[in-house]
C-alpha atoms as a PDB file:
ATOM      1  CA  UNK A   1      -0.208  24.256   7.236  1.00  0.00           C
ATOM      2  CA  UNK A   2       0.654  21.517   4.721  1.00  0.00           C
ATOM      3  CA  UNK A   3      -2.490  19.707   3.529  1.00  0.00           C
ATOM      4  CA  UNK A   4      -4.372  20.560   6.709  1.00  0.00           C
ATOM      5  CA  UNK A   5      -7.637  21.260   4.811  1.00  0.00           C
ATOM      6  CA  UNK A   6      -7.533  17.743   3.294  1.00  0.00           C
ATOM      7  CA  UNK A   7      -6.670  16.251   6.684  1.00  0.00           C
ATOM      8  CA  UNK A   8      -9.541  18.111   8.381  1.00  0.00           C
ATOM      9  CA  UNK A   9     -11.998  17.050   5.675  1.00  0.00           C
ATOM     10  CA  UNK A  10     -11.048  13.390   6.084  1.00  0.00           C
ATOM     11  CA  UNK A  11     -11.422  13.651   9.861  1.00  0.00           C
ATOM     12  CA  UNK A  12     -14.882  15.138   9.429  1.00  0.00           C
ATOM     13  CA  UNK A  13     -15.983  12.475   6.952  1.00  0.00           C
ATOM     14  CA  UNK A  14     -14.790   9.541   9.065  1.00  0.00           C
ATOM     15  CA  UNK A  15     -15.817  10.900  12.462  1.00  0.00           C
ATOM     16  CA  UNK A  16     -19.026   8.768  12.643  1.00  0.00           C
ATOM     17  CA  UNK A  17     -17.051   5.579  11.903  1.00  0.00           C
ATOM     18  CA  UNK A  18     -14.484   6.260  14.629  1.00  0.00           C
ATOM     19  CA  UNK A  19     -17.170   7.306  17.112  1.00  0.00           C
ATOM     20  CA  UNK A  20     -19.090   4.075  16.497  1.00  0.00           C
ATOM     21  CA  UNK A  21     -15.947   1.962  17.029  1.00  0.00           C
ATOM     22  CA  UNK A  22     -14.902   4.020  20.045  1.00  0.00           C
ATOM     23  CA  UNK A  23     -11.443   4.966  18.746  1.00  0.00           C
ATOM     24  CA  UNK A  24     -10.044   8.476  18.972  1.00  0.00           C
ATOM     25  CA  UNK A  25      -9.116  10.117  15.669  1.00  0.00           C
ATOM     26  CA  UNK A  26      -5.481  11.211  15.231  1.00  0.00           C
ATOM     27  CA  UNK A  27      -4.114  14.696  15.653  1.00  0.00           C
ATOM     28  CA  UNK A  28      -2.593  16.444  12.658  1.00  0.00           C
ATOM     29  CA  UNK A  29       0.676  16.986  14.521  1.00  0.00           C
ATOM     30  CA  UNK A  30       1.018  13.283  15.364  1.00  0.00           C
ATOM     31  CA  UNK A  31       0.455  12.091  11.796  1.00  0.00           C
ATOM     32  CA  UNK A  32       2.823  14.718  10.396  1.00  0.00           C
ATOM     33  CA  UNK A  33       5.475  13.853  12.980  1.00  0.00           C
ATOM     34  CA  UNK A  34       5.301  10.140  12.101  1.00  0.00           C
ATOM     35  CA  UNK A  35       5.431  10.847   8.382  1.00  0.00           C
ATOM     36  CA  UNK A  36       8.414  13.189   8.687  1.00  0.00           C
ATOM     37  CA  UNK A  37      10.233  10.549  10.737  1.00  0.00           C
ATOM     38  CA  UNK A  38       9.692   7.942   7.996  1.00  0.00           C
ATOM     39  CA  UNK A  39      10.618  10.424   5.252  1.00  0.00           C
ATOM     40  CA  UNK A  40      13.837  11.287   7.122  1.00  0.00           C
ATOM     41  CA  UNK A  41      14.732   7.607   7.384  1.00  0.00           C
ATOM     42  CA  UNK A  42      14.026   7.093   3.679  1.00  0.00           C
ATOM     43  CA  UNK A  43      16.099  10.099   2.599  1.00  0.00           C
ATOM     44  CA  UNK A  44      19.069   9.794   4.956  1.00  0.00           C
ATOM     45  CA  UNK A  45      19.102   6.183   6.238  1.00  0.00           C
ATOM     46  CA  UNK A  46      18.042   4.256   3.179  1.00  0.00           C
ATOM     47  CA  UNK A  47      19.055   1.734   2.051  1.00  0.00           C
ATOM     48  CA  UNK A  48      19.518   0.207   5.509  1.00  0.00           C
ATOM     49  CA  UNK A  49      23.082  -0.470   6.574  1.00  0.00           C
ATOM     50  CA  UNK A  50      24.239  -4.066   6.338  1.00  0.00           C
ATOM     51  CA  UNK A  51      23.206  -6.003   9.427  1.00  0.00           C
ATOM     52  CA  UNK A  52      20.583  -3.432  10.482  1.00  0.00           C
ATOM     53  CA  UNK A  53      17.920  -4.927  12.741  1.00  0.00           C
ATOM     54  CA  UNK A  54      14.959  -6.380  10.878  1.00  0.00           C
ATOM     55  CA  UNK A  55      12.512  -9.125  11.849  1.00  0.00           C
ATOM     56  CA  UNK A  56       9.799 -11.171  10.139  1.00  0.00           C
ATOM     57  CA  UNK A  57       6.673 -12.050  12.065  1.00  0.00           C
ATOM     58  CA  UNK A  58       6.733 -15.828  12.571  1.00  0.00           C
ATOM     59  CA  UNK A  59       3.142 -16.210  11.340  1.00  0.00           C
ATOM     60  CA  UNK A  60       4.150 -14.438   8.124  1.00  0.00           C
ATOM     61  CA  UNK A  61       6.897 -16.897   7.179  1.00  0.00           C
ATOM     62  CA  UNK A  62       4.621 -19.405   5.327  1.00  0.00           C
ATOM     63  CA  UNK A  63       3.032 -16.510   3.429  1.00  0.00           C
ATOM     64  CA  UNK A  64       6.449 -15.177   2.513  1.00  0.00           C
ATOM     65  CA  UNK A  65       7.260 -18.536   0.922  1.00  0.00           C
ATOM     66  CA  UNK A  66       4.020 -18.418  -1.113  1.00  0.00           C
ATOM     67  CA  UNK A  67       4.902 -14.938  -2.345  1.00  0.00           C
ATOM     68  CA  UNK A  68       8.089 -16.270  -3.919  1.00  0.00           C
ATOM     69  CA  UNK A  69       5.851 -17.772  -6.632  1.00  0.00           C
ATOM     70  CA  UNK A  70       4.340 -14.403  -7.498  1.00  0.00           C
ATOM     71  CA  UNK A  71       0.900 -12.862  -7.287  1.00  0.00           C
ATOM     72  CA  UNK A  72      -0.547  -9.506  -6.262  1.00  0.00           C
ATOM     73  CA  UNK A  73       0.777  -7.615  -3.249  1.00  0.00           C
ATOM     74  CA  UNK A  74      -1.294  -4.749  -1.830  1.00  0.00           C
ATOM     75  CA  UNK A  75       0.009  -2.338   0.747  1.00  0.00           C
ATOM     76  CA  UNK A  76      -0.840   1.177   1.923  1.00  0.00           C
ATOM     77  CA  UNK A  77       0.554   4.531   3.012  1.00  0.00           C
ATOM     78  CA  UNK A  78       0.922   3.076   6.473  1.00  0.00           C
ATOM     79  CA  UNK A  79       4.259   3.428   8.212  1.00  0.00           C
ATOM     80  CA  UNK A  80       7.439   3.207   6.162  1.00  0.00           C
ATOM     81  CA  UNK A  81       6.078   1.690   2.956  1.00  0.00           C
ATOM     82  CA  UNK A  82       9.260   2.635   1.061  1.00  0.00           C
ATOM     83  CA  UNK A  83      11.302   0.430   3.388  1.00  0.00           C
ATOM     84  CA  UNK A  84       8.785  -2.354   2.762  1.00  0.00           C
ATOM     85  CA  UNK A  85       9.546  -2.571  -0.964  1.00  0.00           C
ATOM     86  CA  UNK A  86      13.281  -2.688  -0.324  1.00  0.00           C
ATOM     87  CA  UNK A  87      12.983  -5.414   2.304  1.00  0.00           C
ATOM     88  CA  UNK A  88      10.786  -7.591   0.075  1.00  0.00           C
ATOM     89  CA  UNK A  89      13.365  -7.349  -2.693  1.00  0.00           C
ATOM     90  CA  UNK A  90      16.140  -8.038  -0.203  1.00  0.00           C
ATOM     91  CA  UNK A  91      14.290 -11.231   0.781  1.00  0.00           C
ATOM     92  CA  UNK A  92      14.450 -12.387  -2.823  1.00  0.00           C
ATOM     93  CA  UNK A  93      10.822 -11.808  -3.835  1.00  0.00           C
ATOM     94  CA  UNK A  94      10.195 -11.134  -7.562  1.00  0.00           C
ATOM     95  CA  UNK A  95       8.656  -7.719  -6.813  1.00  0.00           C
ATOM     96  CA  UNK A  96       7.737  -4.989  -9.241  1.00  0.00           C
ATOM     97  CA  UNK A  97       5.706  -2.285  -7.551  1.00  0.00           C
ATOM     98  CA  UNK A  98       3.537   0.066  -9.591  1.00  0.00           C
ATOM     99  CA  UNK A  99       5.058   3.534  -9.811  1.00  0.00           C
ATOM    100  CA  UNK A 100       4.260   6.773 -11.580  1.00  0.00           C
ATOM    101  CA  UNK A 101       6.922   8.898 -13.195  1.00  0.00           C
ATOM    102  CA  UNK A 102       7.716  11.870 -10.985  1.00  0.00           C
ATOM    103  CA  UNK A 103       8.688  15.396 -11.952  1.00  0.00           C
ATOM    104  CA  UNK A 104      11.194  16.926 -12.268  1.00  0.00           C
ATOM    105  CA  UNK A 105      13.221  14.222 -13.997  1.00  0.00           C
ATOM    106  CA  UNK A 106      16.173  14.419 -11.582  1.00  0.00           C
ATOM    107  CA  UNK A 107      13.833  13.664  -8.649  1.00  0.00           C
ATOM    108  CA  UNK A 108      12.405  10.637 -10.473  1.00  0.00           C
ATOM    109  CA  UNK A 109      15.951   9.399 -11.153  1.00  0.00           C
ATOM    110  CA  UNK A 110      16.899   9.854  -7.478  1.00  0.00           C
ATOM    111  CA  UNK A 111      13.728   8.057  -6.374  1.00  0.00           C
ATOM    112  CA  UNK A 112      14.391   5.106  -8.687  1.00  0.00           C
ATOM    113  CA  UNK A 113      17.892   4.833  -7.274  1.00  0.00           C
ATOM    114  CA  UNK A 114      16.433   4.675  -3.771  1.00  0.00           C
ATOM    115  CA  UNK A 115      14.066   1.958  -4.998  1.00  0.00           C
ATOM    116  CA  UNK A 116      16.852  -0.240  -6.297  1.00  0.00           C
ATOM    117  CA  UNK A 117      18.283  -3.415  -4.799  1.00  0.00           C
ATOM    118  CA  UNK A 118      21.397  -5.025  -6.270  1.00  0.00           C
ATOM    119  CA  UNK A 119      21.104  -2.967  -9.429  1.00  0.00           C
ATOM    120  CA  UNK A 120      17.411  -3.727 -10.059  1.00  0.00           C
ATOM    121  CA  UNK A 121      14.714  -1.143  -9.507  1.00  0.00           C
ATOM    122  CA  UNK A 122      11.713  -2.816  -7.850  1.00  0.00           C
ATOM    123  CA  UNK A 123       9.322   0.043  -8.682  1.00  0.00           C
ATOM    124  CA  UNK A 124       9.369   0.473 -12.440  1.00  0.00           C
ATOM    125  CA  UNK A 125       6.161   1.149 -14.342  1.00  0.00           C
ATOM    126  CA  UNK A 126       4.718  -1.906 -16.115  1.00  0.00           C
ATOM    127  CA  UNK A 127       2.490  -1.294 -19.109  1.00  0.00           C
ATOM    128  CA  UNK A 128      -0.973  -2.791 -18.640  1.00  0.00           C
ATOM    129  CA  UNK A 129      -0.485  -5.053 -21.648  1.00  0.00           C
ATOM    130  CA  UNK A 130       2.536  -6.654 -19.974  1.00  0.00           C
ATOM    131  CA  UNK A 131       0.926  -7.272 -16.584  1.00  0.00           C
ATOM    132  CA  UNK A 132      -0.466 -10.701 -17.406  1.00  0.00           C
ATOM    133  CA  UNK A 133       2.856 -11.808 -18.879  1.00  0.00           C
ATOM    134  CA  UNK A 134       4.616 -10.562 -15.736  1.00  0.00           C
ATOM    135  CA  UNK A 135       2.276 -12.552 -13.460  1.00  0.00           C
ATOM    136  CA  UNK A 136       2.513 -15.635 -15.724  1.00  0.00           C
ATOM    137  CA  UNK A 137       6.275 -15.489 -15.193  1.00  0.00           C
ATOM    138  CA  UNK A 138       5.705 -15.676 -11.413  1.00  0.00           C
ATOM    139  CA  UNK A 139       6.215 -11.970 -10.842  1.00  0.00           C
ATOM    140  CA  UNK A 140       4.856 -10.268  -7.725  1.00  0.00           C
ATOM    141  CA  UNK A 141       2.933  -7.138  -8.710  1.00  0.00           C
ATOM    142  CA  UNK A 142       2.929  -4.648  -5.816  1.00  0.00           C
ATOM    143  CA  UNK A 143       0.794  -1.558  -5.357  1.00  0.00           C
ATOM    144  CA  UNK A 144      -0.205   1.106  -2.863  1.00  0.00           C
ATOM    145  CA  UNK A 145      -3.955   0.514  -2.983  1.00  0.00           C
ATOM    146  CA  UNK A 146      -5.320   3.122  -0.573  1.00  0.00           C
ATOM    147  CA  UNK A 147      -5.725   6.026  -2.995  1.00  0.00           C
ATOM    148  CA  UNK A 148      -8.867   7.188  -4.760  1.00  0.00           C
ATOM    149  CA  UNK A 149      -9.080   6.174  -8.435  1.00  0.00           C
ATOM    150  CA  UNK A 150     -10.703   8.940 -10.467  1.00  0.00           C
ATOM    151  CA  UNK A 151     -10.423   7.662 -14.038  1.00  0.00           C
ATOM    152  CA  UNK A 152     -13.042   5.564 -15.788  1.00  0.00           C
ATOM    153  CA  UNK A 153     -12.962   1.817 -15.154  1.00  0.00           C
ATOM    154  CA  UNK A 154     -13.994  -0.888 -17.670  1.00  0.00           C
ATOM    155  CA  UNK A 155     -17.548  -1.963 -16.914  1.00  0.00           C
ATOM    156  CA  UNK A 156     -16.612  -5.654 -16.616  1.00  0.00           C
ATOM    157  CA  UNK A 157     -14.460  -5.023 -13.537  1.00  0.00           C
ATOM    158  CA  UNK A 158     -15.971  -1.780 -12.201  1.00  0.00           C
ATOM    159  CA  UNK A 159     -17.814  -3.401  -9.283  1.00  0.00           C
ATOM    160  CA  UNK A 160     -14.685  -5.311  -8.277  1.00  0.00           C
ATOM    161  CA  UNK A 161     -12.949  -1.972  -7.713  1.00  0.00           C
ATOM    162  CA  UNK A 162     -15.548  -0.625  -5.294  1.00  0.00           C
ATOM    163  CA  UNK A 163     -15.590  -1.345  -1.599  1.00  0.00           C
ATOM    164  CA  UNK A 164     -16.370   0.214   1.776  1.00  0.00           C
ATOM    165  CA  UNK A 165     -13.640   1.873   3.803  1.00  0.00           C
ATOM    166  CA  UNK A 166     -13.998   3.791   7.086  1.00  0.00           C
ATOM    167  CA  UNK A 167     -17.736   4.033   6.506  1.00  0.00           C
ATOM    168  CA  UNK A 168     -17.597   5.182   2.874  1.00  0.00           C
ATOM    169  CA  UNK A 169     -17.835   3.521  -0.490  1.00  0.00           C
ATOM    170  CA  UNK A 170     -14.536   4.065  -2.292  1.00  0.00           C
ATOM    171  CA  UNK A 171     -13.122   3.367  -5.732  1.00  0.00           C
ATOM    172  CA  UNK A 172      -9.695   1.754  -6.064  1.00  0.00           C
ATOM    173  CA  UNK A 173      -7.150   1.080  -8.788  1.00  0.00           C
ATOM    174  CA  UNK A 174      -8.443  -1.489 -11.331  1.00  0.00           C
ATOM    175  CA  UNK A 175      -5.076  -3.153 -12.122  1.00  0.00           C
ATOM    176  CA  UNK A 176      -5.457  -5.991  -9.558  1.00  0.00           C
ATOM    177  CA  UNK A 177      -9.000  -6.635 -10.812  1.00  0.00           C
ATOM    178  CA  UNK A 178      -7.699  -6.651 -14.387  1.00  0.00           C
ATOM    179  CA  UNK A 179      -5.143  -9.312 -13.469  1.00  0.00           C
ATOM    180  CA  UNK A 180      -7.725 -11.443 -11.650  1.00  0.00           C
ATOM    181  CA  UNK A 181     -10.186 -11.165 -14.533  1.00  0.00           C
ATOM    182  CA  UNK A 182      -7.608 -12.859 -16.769  1.00  0.00           C
ATOM    183  CA  UNK A 183      -5.895 -15.009 -14.113  1.00  0.00           C
ATOM    184  CA  UNK A 184      -8.524 -15.733 -11.417  1.00  0.00           C
ATOM    185  CA  UNK A 185      -6.261 -18.151  -9.534  1.00  0.00           C
ATOM    186  CA  UNK A 186      -3.665 -15.453  -8.825  1.00  0.00           C
ATOM    187  CA  UNK A 187      -2.860 -15.183  -5.114  1.00  0.00           C
ATOM    188  CA  UNK A 188      -3.437 -11.844  -3.353  1.00  0.00           C
ATOM    189  CA  UNK A 189      -1.373 -10.693  -0.373  1.00  0.00           C
ATOM    190  CA  UNK A 190      -1.256  -7.707   1.981  1.00  0.00           C
ATOM    191  CA  UNK A 191       1.639  -6.542   4.115  1.00  0.00           C
ATOM    192  CA  UNK A 192       3.261  -3.769   6.099  1.00  0.00           C
ATOM    193  CA  UNK A 193       6.220  -3.026   8.346  1.00  0.00           C
ATOM    194  CA  UNK A 194       5.776  -1.779  11.883  1.00  0.00           C
ATOM    195  CA  UNK A 195       8.058  -1.256  14.847  1.00  0.00           C
ATOM    196  CA  UNK A 196       8.004  -4.046  17.449  1.00  0.00           C
ATOM    197  CA  UNK A 197      10.257  -3.265  20.405  1.00  0.00           C
ATOM    198  CA  UNK A 198      11.961  -0.659  18.188  1.00  0.00           C
ATOM    199  CA  UNK A 199      12.760  -3.263  15.511  1.00  0.00           C
ATOM    200  CA  UNK A 200      11.172  -2.956  12.019  1.00  0.00           C
ATOM    201  CA  UNK A 201       9.072  -6.097  11.623  1.00  0.00           C
ATOM    202  CA  UNK A 202       7.416  -7.448   8.483  1.00  0.00           C
ATOM    203  CA  UNK A 203       3.792  -8.623   8.709  1.00  0.00           C
ATOM    204  CA  UNK A 204       2.110 -10.432   5.802  1.00  0.00           C
ATOM    205  CA  UNK A 205      -1.374 -11.786   5.143  1.00  0.00           C
ATOM    206  CA  UNK A 206      -3.015 -13.683   2.320  1.00  0.00           C
ATOM    207  CA  UNK A 207      -6.530 -12.574   1.421  1.00  0.00           C
ATOM    208  CA  UNK A 208      -9.233 -14.155  -0.796  1.00  0.00           C
ATOM    209  CA  UNK A 209      -9.123 -13.180  -4.464  1.00  0.00           C
ATOM    210  CA  UNK A 210     -12.929 -12.940  -4.441  1.00  0.00           C
ATOM    211  CA  UNK A 211     -13.994  -9.485  -3.220  1.00  0.00           C
ATOM    212  CA  UNK A 212     -10.319  -8.822  -2.558  1.00  0.00           C
ATOM    213  CA  UNK A 213     -10.740  -5.067  -2.077  1.00  0.00           C
ATOM    214  CA  UNK A 214     -13.299  -5.642   0.680  1.00  0.00           C
ATOM    215  CA  UNK A 215     -10.793  -7.884   2.471  1.00  0.00           C
ATOM    216  CA  UNK A 216      -7.972  -5.417   1.807  1.00  0.00           C
ATOM    217  CA  UNK A 217      -9.915  -2.541   3.334  1.00  0.00           C
ATOM    218  CA  UNK A 218     -10.825  -4.609   6.384  1.00  0.00           C
ATOM    219  CA  UNK A 219      -7.100  -5.339   6.804  1.00  0.00           C
ATOM    220  CA  UNK A 220      -6.225  -1.650   6.474  1.00  0.00           C
ATOM    221  CA  UNK A 221      -9.017  -0.552   8.808  1.00  0.00           C
ATOM    222  CA  UNK A 222      -7.654  -2.878  11.464  1.00  0.00           C
ATOM    223  CA  UNK A 223      -4.197  -1.298  11.158  1.00  0.00           C
ATOM    224  CA  UNK A 224      -5.596   2.222  11.252  1.00  0.00           C
ATOM    225  CA  UNK A 225      -7.701   1.517  14.329  1.00  0.00           C
ATOM    226  CA  UNK A 226      -4.608   0.149  16.087  1.00  0.00           C
ATOM    227  CA  UNK A 227      -2.650   3.324  15.341  1.00  0.00           C
ATOM    228  CA  UNK A 228      -4.546   6.011  13.362  1.00  0.00           C
ATOM    229  CA  UNK A 229      -1.538   8.354  13.312  1.00  0.00           C
ATOM    230  CA  UNK A 230       0.532   5.895  11.251  1.00  0.00           C
ATOM    231  CA  UNK A 231      -1.766   6.074   8.207  1.00  0.00           C
ATOM    232  CA  UNK A 232      -0.646   8.866   5.891  1.00  0.00           C
ATOM    233  CA  UNK A 233      -3.746   8.543   3.730  1.00  0.00           C
ATOM    234  CA  UNK A 234      -5.165  11.295   5.931  1.00  0.00           C
ATOM    235  CA  UNK A 235      -3.264  13.684   3.649  1.00  0.00           C
ATOM    236  CA  UNK A 236      -4.901  12.320   0.458  1.00  0.00           C
ATOM    237  CA  UNK A 237      -8.334  12.938  -1.045  1.00  0.00           C
ATOM    238  CA  UNK A 238      -9.149   9.277  -0.409  1.00  0.00           C
ATOM    239  CA  UNK A 239     -12.910   9.781  -0.498  1.00  0.00           C
ATOM    240  CA  UNK A 240     -13.096  11.968  -3.610  1.00  0.00           C
ATOM    241  CA  UNK A 241     -15.299   9.503  -5.500  1.00  0.00           C
ATOM    242  CA  UNK A 242     -17.388   8.405  -2.511  1.00  0.00           C
ATOM    243  CA  UNK A 243     -20.429  10.522  -3.411  1.00  0.00           C
ATOM    244  CA  UNK A 244     -20.406   9.199  -7.000  1.00  0.00           C
ATOM    245  CA  UNK A 245     -20.798   5.612  -5.796  1.00  0.00           C
ATOM    246  CA  UNK A 246     -23.936   6.171  -3.744  1.00  0.00           C
END
């Protein structure tokens, strides 16, 4: 079955963490079912129809206002993260989410169209050299931060890209650390969308820029422990670099 070996390996690796917390690990069928539901909505019901139900958590409203001035926004493969980018753009945030070019070319073109609001794609690749300029212009740099980073990282920021997640040391994308090395006062935010009484609801948090990946992973762990079957990172080799960090 699709990616079942990767799923089983991740379950095996994280079993001690879940046992210690006392939370049951998810079943493959439940995670796949949730993911297919979100994929279906993205393919056939996206963008949302005008007037479609959508709520913002009341505690997230002040954070939403801060995000209008730019910063770093970290999210994860948790729930419908594609809907998240669209909703943030719809709310008027100056978002540009990191994205890799997909193959074949027609699929990448279709995906960019899906990631467009009012004629502007909110997930276009930004060259590293332009990141600081983008943030200086009050842009909000968004990124899925729950994937293993396997390339070499500059020594000056290497430690800032390492953290503990579900009982393992992991290595994450260095772009947020690169921004903070040059602009240490940049604000860092996390967020996700989840169903509350069958209504998609936006939840946002602001986290410290110091040791930001540690705070990010604590945020993500909390979400996963609430509903392990909504995290689609189970299908990724998230812990590929774990043994190299010991």
